[in-house]
Amino acid sequence: MLLFLQMTAAPDGNHFPLAFTLVYVVGFVAAVTIGSIAWYNSKRPAGWENKERPDFVPKVDPEDK
């Protein structure tokens, strides 16, 4: 049993999966960006009615006419 465990271990020790970490980081950044755009384009909460939209947030027009 010990020999089997030694054979299945990675030869260069613990190797953290970089690809999975990058997927989580990119996903988190995308979720925060999309959420921020949606929040700024939604109806303003109480106290935020007269605030200006930041320059980096695009204006999204509703399709309801």
PDB file of N, CA and C in Angstrom:
ATOM      1  N   MET A   1       0.829  -1.192   0.000  1.00  0.00           N
ATOM      2  CA  MET A   1       0.000   0.000   0.000  1.00  0.00           C
ATOM      3  C   MET A   1       0.877   1.261   0.000  1.00  0.00           C
ATOM      4  N   LEU A   2       1.920   1.265   0.782  1.00  0.00           N
ATOM      5  CA  LEU A   2       2.800   2.416   0.858  1.00  0.00           C
ATOM      6  C   LEU A   2       3.461   2.682  -0.489  1.00  0.00           C
ATOM      7  N   LEU A   3       3.845   1.619  -1.191  1.00  0.00           N
ATOM      8  CA  LEU A   3       4.456   1.761  -2.506  1.00  0.00           C
ATOM      9  C   LEU A   3       3.477   2.395  -3.488  1.00  0.00           C
ATOM     10  N   PHE A   4       2.200   2.011  -3.424  1.00  0.00           N
ATOM     11  CA  PHE A   4       1.183   2.591  -4.301  1.00  0.00           C
ATOM     12  C   PHE A   4       1.021   4.089  -4.040  1.00  0.00           C
ATOM     13  N   LEU A   5       1.015   4.488  -2.765  1.00  0.00           N
ATOM     14  CA  LEU A   5       0.879   5.898  -2.432  1.00  0.00           C
ATOM     15  C   LEU A   5       2.090   6.697  -2.896  1.00  0.00           C
ATOM     16  N   GLN A   6       3.261   6.101  -2.822  1.00  0.00           N
ATOM     17  CA  GLN A   6       4.461   6.784  -3.274  1.00  0.00           C
ATOM     18  C   GLN A   6       4.464   6.941  -4.789  1.00  0.00           C
ATOM     19  N   MET A   7       3.910   5.989  -5.505  1.00  0.00           N
ATOM     20  CA  MET A   7       3.897   6.054  -6.966  1.00  0.00           C
ATOM     21  C   MET A   7       2.883   7.073  -7.468  1.00  0.00           C
ATOM     22  N   THR A   8       1.781   7.257  -6.747  1.00  0.00           N
ATOM     23  CA  THR A   8       0.746   8.176  -7.211  1.00  0.00           C
ATOM     24  C   THR A   8       1.032   9.611  -6.817  1.00  0.00           C
ATOM     25  N   ALA A   9       1.944   9.849  -5.904  1.00  0.00           N
ATOM     26  CA  ALA A   9       2.275  11.223  -5.498  1.00  0.00           C
ATOM     27  C   ALA A   9       3.007  11.925  -6.628  1.00  0.00           C
ATOM     28  N   ALA A  10       2.839  13.221  -6.692  1.00  0.00           N
ATOM     29  CA  ALA A  10       3.523  13.996  -7.727  1.00  0.00           C
ATOM     30  C   ALA A  10       5.030  13.965  -7.465  1.00  0.00           C
ATOM     31  N   PRO A  11       5.826  13.787  -8.501  1.00  0.00           N
ATOM     32  CA  PRO A  11       7.272  13.682  -8.297  1.00  0.00           C
ATOM     33  C   PRO A  11       7.910  14.966  -7.776  1.00  0.00           C
ATOM     34  N   ASP A  12       7.355  16.117  -8.069  1.00  0.00           N
ATOM     35  CA  ASP A  12       7.956  17.370  -7.616  1.00  0.00           C
ATOM     36  C   ASP A  12       7.195  17.971  -6.428  1.00  0.00           C
ATOM     37  N   GLY A  13       6.588  17.134  -5.601  1.00  0.00           N
ATOM     38  CA  GLY A  13       5.932  17.601  -4.381  1.00  0.00           C
ATOM     39  C   GLY A  13       4.541  18.139  -4.648  1.00  0.00           C
ATOM     40  N   ASN A  14       4.058  18.951  -3.727  1.00  0.00           N
ATOM     41  CA  ASN A  14       2.732  19.554  -3.882  1.00  0.00           C
ATOM     42  C   ASN A  14       2.776  20.614  -4.965  1.00  0.00           C
ATOM     43  N   HIS A  15       1.959  20.431  -5.954  1.00  0.00           N
ATOM     44  CA  HIS A  15       1.879  21.394  -7.043  1.00  0.00           C
ATOM     45  C   HIS A  15       0.466  21.947  -7.063  1.00  0.00           C
ATOM     46  N   PHE A  16       0.326  23.229  -6.726  1.00  0.00           N
ATOM     47  CA  PHE A  16      -0.989  23.854  -6.671  1.00  0.00           C
ATOM     48  C   PHE A  16      -1.490  24.091  -8.090  1.00  0.00           C
ATOM     49  N   PRO A  17      -2.725  23.698  -8.407  1.00  0.00           N
ATOM     50  CA  PRO A  17      -3.245  23.851  -9.775  1.00  0.00           C
ATOM     51  C   PRO A  17      -3.484  25.323 -10.130  1.00  0.00           C
ATOM     52  N   LEU A  18      -2.576  25.874 -10.888  1.00  0.00           N
ATOM     53  CA  LEU A  18      -2.637  27.284 -11.264  1.00  0.00           C
ATOM     54  C   LEU A  18      -3.838  27.585 -12.166  1.00  0.00           C
ATOM     55  N   ALA A  19      -4.179  26.658 -13.042  1.00  0.00           N
ATOM     56  CA  ALA A  19      -5.293  26.892 -13.965  1.00  0.00           C
ATOM     57  C   ALA A  19      -6.613  27.081 -13.213  1.00  0.00           C
ATOM     58  N   PHE A  20      -6.857  26.274 -12.195  1.00  0.00           N
ATOM     59  CA  PHE A  20      -8.101  26.414 -11.429  1.00  0.00           C
ATOM     60  C   PHE A  20      -8.137  27.740 -10.680  1.00  0.00           C
ATOM     61  N   THR A  21      -7.006  28.144 -10.157  1.00  0.00           N
ATOM     62  CA  THR A  21      -6.930  29.421  -9.453  1.00  0.00           C
ATOM     63  C   THR A  21      -7.218  30.576 -10.397  1.00  0.00           C
ATOM     64  N   LEU A  22      -6.654  30.525 -11.589  1.00  0.00           N
ATOM     65  CA  LEU A  22      -6.898  31.586 -12.571  1.00  0.00           C
ATOM     66  C   LEU A  22      -8.360  31.642 -12.975  1.00  0.00           C
ATOM     67  N   VAL A  23      -9.008  30.487 -13.113  1.00  0.00           N
ATOM     68  CA  VAL A  23     -10.436  30.465 -13.461  1.00  0.00           C
ATOM     69  C   VAL A  23     -11.254  31.142 -12.366  1.00  0.00           C
ATOM     70  N   TYR A  24     -10.944  30.850 -11.113  1.00  0.00           N
ATOM     71  CA  TYR A  24     -11.686  31.470 -10.016  1.00  0.00           C
ATOM     72  C   TYR A  24     -11.431  32.975  -9.947  1.00  0.00           C
ATOM     73  N   VAL A  25     -10.205  33.394 -10.142  1.00  0.00           N
ATOM     74  CA  VAL A  25      -9.884  34.824 -10.073  1.00  0.00           C
ATOM     75  C   VAL A  25     -10.553  35.581 -11.212  1.00  0.00           C
ATOM     76  N   VAL A  26     -10.448  35.059 -12.430  1.00  0.00           N
ATOM     77  CA  VAL A  26     -11.077  35.719 -13.580  1.00  0.00           C
ATOM     78  C   VAL A  26     -12.594  35.732 -13.424  1.00  0.00           C
ATOM     79  N   GLY A  27     -13.170  34.662 -12.924  1.00  0.00           N
ATOM     80  CA  GLY A  27     -14.611  34.612 -12.697  1.00  0.00           C
ATOM     81  C   GLY A  27     -15.068  35.615 -11.664  1.00  0.00           C
ATOM     82  N   PHE A  28     -14.283  35.771 -10.598  1.00  0.00           N
ATOM     83  CA  PHE A  28     -14.629  36.738  -9.563  1.00  0.00           C
ATOM     84  C   PHE A  28     -14.573  38.165 -10.102  1.00  0.00           C
ATOM     85  N   VAL A  29     -13.526  38.475 -10.851  1.00  0.00           N
ATOM     86  CA  VAL A  29     -13.390  39.816 -11.430  1.00  0.00           C
ATOM     87  C   VAL A  29     -14.535  40.082 -12.407  1.00  0.00           C
ATOM     88  N   ALA A  30     -14.896  39.096 -13.220  1.00  0.00           N
ATOM     89  CA  ALA A  30     -16.004  39.267 -14.163  1.00  0.00           C
ATOM     90  C   ALA A  30     -17.326  39.473 -13.418  1.00  0.00           C
ATOM     91  N   ALA A  31     -17.549  38.723 -12.357  1.00  0.00           N
ATOM     92  CA  ALA A  31     -18.793  38.866 -11.595  1.00  0.00           C
ATOM     93  C   ALA A  31     -18.887  40.239 -10.938  1.00  0.00           C
ATOM     94  N   VAL A  32     -17.783  40.724 -10.393  1.00  0.00           N
ATOM     95  CA  VAL A  32     -17.790  42.052  -9.771  1.00  0.00           C
ATOM     96  C   VAL A  32     -18.017  43.132 -10.816  1.00  0.00           C
ATOM     97  N   THR A  33     -17.389  42.994 -11.979  1.00  0.00           N
ATOM     98  CA  THR A  33     -17.554  43.993 -13.043  1.00  0.00           C
ATOM     99  C   THR A  33     -18.985  44.016 -13.558  1.00  0.00           C
ATOM    100  N   ILE A  34     -19.534  42.860 -13.874  1.00  0.00           N
ATOM    101  CA  ILE A  34     -20.908  42.794 -14.388  1.00  0.00           C
ATOM    102  C   ILE A  34     -21.898  43.263 -13.330  1.00  0.00           C
ATOM    103  N   GLY A  35     -21.675  42.884 -12.074  1.00  0.00           N
ATOM    104  CA  GLY A  35     -22.555  43.328 -10.991  1.00  0.00           C
ATOM    105  C   GLY A  35     -22.502  44.819 -10.785  1.00  0.00           C
ATOM    106  N   SER A  36     -21.313  45.407 -10.916  1.00  0.00           N
ATOM    107  CA  SER A  36     -21.188  46.860 -10.758  1.00  0.00           C
ATOM    108  C   SER A  36     -21.911  47.603 -11.873  1.00  0.00           C
ATOM    109  N   ILE A  37     -21.763  47.122 -13.100  1.00  0.00           N
ATOM    110  CA  ILE A  37     -22.470  47.751 -14.221  1.00  0.00           C
ATOM    111  C   ILE A  37     -23.974  47.639 -14.028  1.00  0.00           C
ATOM    112  N   ALA A  38     -24.455  46.481 -13.604  1.00  0.00           N
ATOM    113  CA  ALA A  38     -25.893  46.304 -13.383  1.00  0.00           C
ATOM    114  C   ALA A  38     -26.388  47.198 -12.247  1.00  0.00           C
ATOM    115  N   TRP A  39     -25.598  47.325 -11.186  1.00  0.00           N
ATOM    116  CA  TRP A  39     -26.022  48.140 -10.058  1.00  0.00           C
ATOM    117  C   TRP A  39     -26.079  49.613 -10.439  1.00  0.00           C
ATOM    118  N   TYR A  40     -25.078  50.098 -11.165  1.00  0.00           N
ATOM    119  CA  TYR A  40     -25.067  51.512 -11.551  1.00  0.00           C
ATOM    120  C   TYR A  40     -26.173  51.843 -12.550  1.00  0.00           C
ATOM    121  N   ASN A  41     -26.609  50.873 -13.331  1.00  0.00           N
ATOM    122  CA  ASN A  41     -27.655  51.122 -14.318  1.00  0.00           C
ATOM    123  C   ASN A  41     -29.053  50.828 -13.782  1.00  0.00           C
ATOM    124  N   SER A  42     -29.151  50.342 -12.562  1.00  0.00           N
ATOM    125  CA  SER A  42     -30.460  50.079 -11.981  1.00  0.00           C
ATOM    126  C   SER A  42     -31.001  51.363 -11.353  1.00  0.00           C
ATOM    127  N   LYS A  43     -32.191  51.266 -10.802  1.00  0.00           N
ATOM    128  CA  LYS A  43     -32.734  52.419 -10.083  1.00  0.00           C
ATOM    129  C   LYS A  43     -31.857  52.673  -8.876  1.00  0.00           C
ATOM    130  N   ARG A  44     -31.648  53.912  -8.572  1.00  0.00           N
ATOM    131  CA  ARG A  44     -30.752  54.278  -7.482  1.00  0.00           C
ATOM    132  C   ARG A  44     -31.419  54.027  -6.128  1.00  0.00           C
ATOM    133  N   PRO A  45     -30.665  53.505  -5.180  1.00  0.00           N
ATOM    134  CA  PRO A  45     -31.202  53.363  -3.819  1.00  0.00           C
ATOM    135  C   PRO A  45     -31.406  54.732  -3.177  1.00  0.00           C
ATOM    136  N   ALA A  46     -32.088  54.755  -2.062  1.00  0.00           N
ATOM    137  CA  ALA A  46     -32.351  56.007  -1.353  1.00  0.00           C
ATOM    138  C   ALA A  46     -31.044  56.703  -1.014  1.00  0.00           C
ATOM    139  N   GLY A  47     -30.951  57.978  -1.376  1.00  0.00           N
ATOM    140  CA  GLY A  47     -29.750  58.751  -1.127  1.00  0.00           C
ATOM    141  C   GLY A  47     -28.782  58.790  -2.301  1.00  0.00           C
ATOM    142  N   TRP A  48     -28.985  57.965  -3.306  1.00  0.00           N
ATOM    143  CA  TRP A  48     -28.099  57.914  -4.469  1.00  0.00           C
ATOM    144  C   TRP A  48     -28.773  58.443  -5.730  1.00  0.00           C
ATOM    145  N   GLU A  49     -29.954  59.038  -5.607  1.00  0.00           N
ATOM    146  CA  GLU A  49     -30.705  59.463  -6.789  1.00  0.00           C
ATOM    147  C   GLU A  49     -29.966  60.508  -7.612  1.00  0.00           C
ATOM    148  N   ASN A  50     -29.256  61.432  -6.977  1.00  0.00           N
ATOM    149  CA  ASN A  50     -28.614  62.541  -7.679  1.00  0.00           C
ATOM    150  C   ASN A  50     -27.128  62.319  -7.935  1.00  0.00           C
ATOM    151  N   LYS A  51     -26.632  61.135  -7.691  1.00  0.00           N
ATOM    152  CA  LYS A  51     -25.206  60.858  -7.885  1.00  0.00           C
ATOM    153  C   LYS A  51     -24.909  60.642  -9.366  1.00  0.00           C
ATOM    154  N   GLU A  52     -23.727  61.033  -9.768  1.00  0.00           N
ATOM    155  CA  GLU A  52     -23.300  60.867 -11.156  1.00  0.00           C
ATOM    156  C   GLU A  52     -22.794  59.447 -11.401  1.00  0.00           C
ATOM    157  N   ARG A  53     -23.017  58.982 -12.601  1.00  0.00           N
ATOM    158  CA  ARG A  53     -22.508  57.667 -13.002  1.00  0.00           C
ATOM    159  C   ARG A  53     -21.021  57.794 -13.290  1.00  0.00           C
ATOM    160  N   PRO A  54     -20.189  56.855 -12.832  1.00  0.00           N
ATOM    161  CA  PRO A  54     -18.757  56.914 -13.137  1.00  0.00           C
ATOM    162  C   PRO A  54     -18.508  56.810 -14.640  1.00  0.00           C
ATOM    163  N   ASP A  55     -17.401  57.374 -15.099  1.00  0.00           N
ATOM    164  CA  ASP A  55     -17.104  57.392 -16.530  1.00  0.00           C
ATOM    165  C   ASP A  55     -16.876  56.002 -17.112  1.00  0.00           C
ATOM    166  N   PHE A  56     -16.393  55.067 -16.313  1.00  0.00           N
ATOM    167  CA  PHE A  56     -16.063  53.747 -16.846  1.00  0.00           C
ATOM    168  C   PHE A  56     -17.267  52.822 -16.955  1.00  0.00           C
ATOM    169  N   VAL A  57     -18.441  53.236 -16.445  1.00  0.00           N
ATOM    170  CA  VAL A  57     -19.646  52.410 -16.521  1.00  0.00           C
ATOM    171  C   VAL A  57     -20.433  52.819 -17.752  1.00  0.00           C
ATOM    172  N   PRO A  58     -20.689  51.884 -18.678  1.00  0.00           N
ATOM    173  CA  PRO A  58     -21.426  52.249 -19.896  1.00  0.00           C
ATOM    174  C   PRO A  58     -22.906  52.467 -19.599  1.00  0.00           C
ATOM    175  N   LYS A  59     -23.524  53.331 -20.374  1.00  0.00           N
ATOM    176  CA  LYS A  59     -24.953  53.605 -20.246  1.00  0.00           C
ATOM    177  C   LYS A  59     -25.720  52.522 -20.994  1.00  0.00           C
ATOM    178  N   VAL A  60     -26.634  51.860 -20.303  1.00  0.00           N
ATOM    179  CA  VAL A  60     -27.445  50.811 -20.898  1.00  0.00           C
ATOM    180  C   VAL A  60     -28.878  51.312 -20.936  1.00  0.00           C
ATOM    181  N   ASP A  61     -29.429  51.441 -22.138  1.00  0.00           N
ATOM    182  CA  ASP A  61     -30.804  51.909 -22.272  1.00  0.00           C
ATOM    183  C   ASP A  61     -31.759  50.720 -22.188  1.00  0.00           C
ATOM    184  N   PRO A  62     -32.848  50.859 -21.433  1.00  0.00           N
ATOM    185  CA  PRO A  62     -33.816  49.760 -21.376  1.00  0.00           C
ATOM    186  C   PRO A  62     -34.529  49.634 -22.716  1.00  0.00           C
ATOM    187  N   GLU A  63     -34.916  48.410 -23.031  1.00  0.00           N
ATOM    188  CA  GLU A  63     -35.593  48.168 -24.315  1.00  0.00           C
ATOM    189  C   GLU A  63     -37.087  48.438 -24.226  1.00  0.00           C
ATOM    190  N   ASP A  64     -37.598  48.728 -23.026  1.00  0.00           N
ATOM    191  CA  ASP A  64     -39.022  49.034 -22.855  1.00  0.00           C
ATOM    192  C   ASP A  64     -39.322  50.424 -23.399  1.00  0.00           C
ATOM    193  N   LYS A  65     -40.168  50.498 -24.405  1.00  0.00           N
ATOM    194  CA  LYS A  65     -40.540  51.790 -24.987  1.00  0.00           C
ATOM    195  C   LYS A  65     -42.026  51.930 -25.061  1.00  0.00           C
TER     196      LYS A  65
END
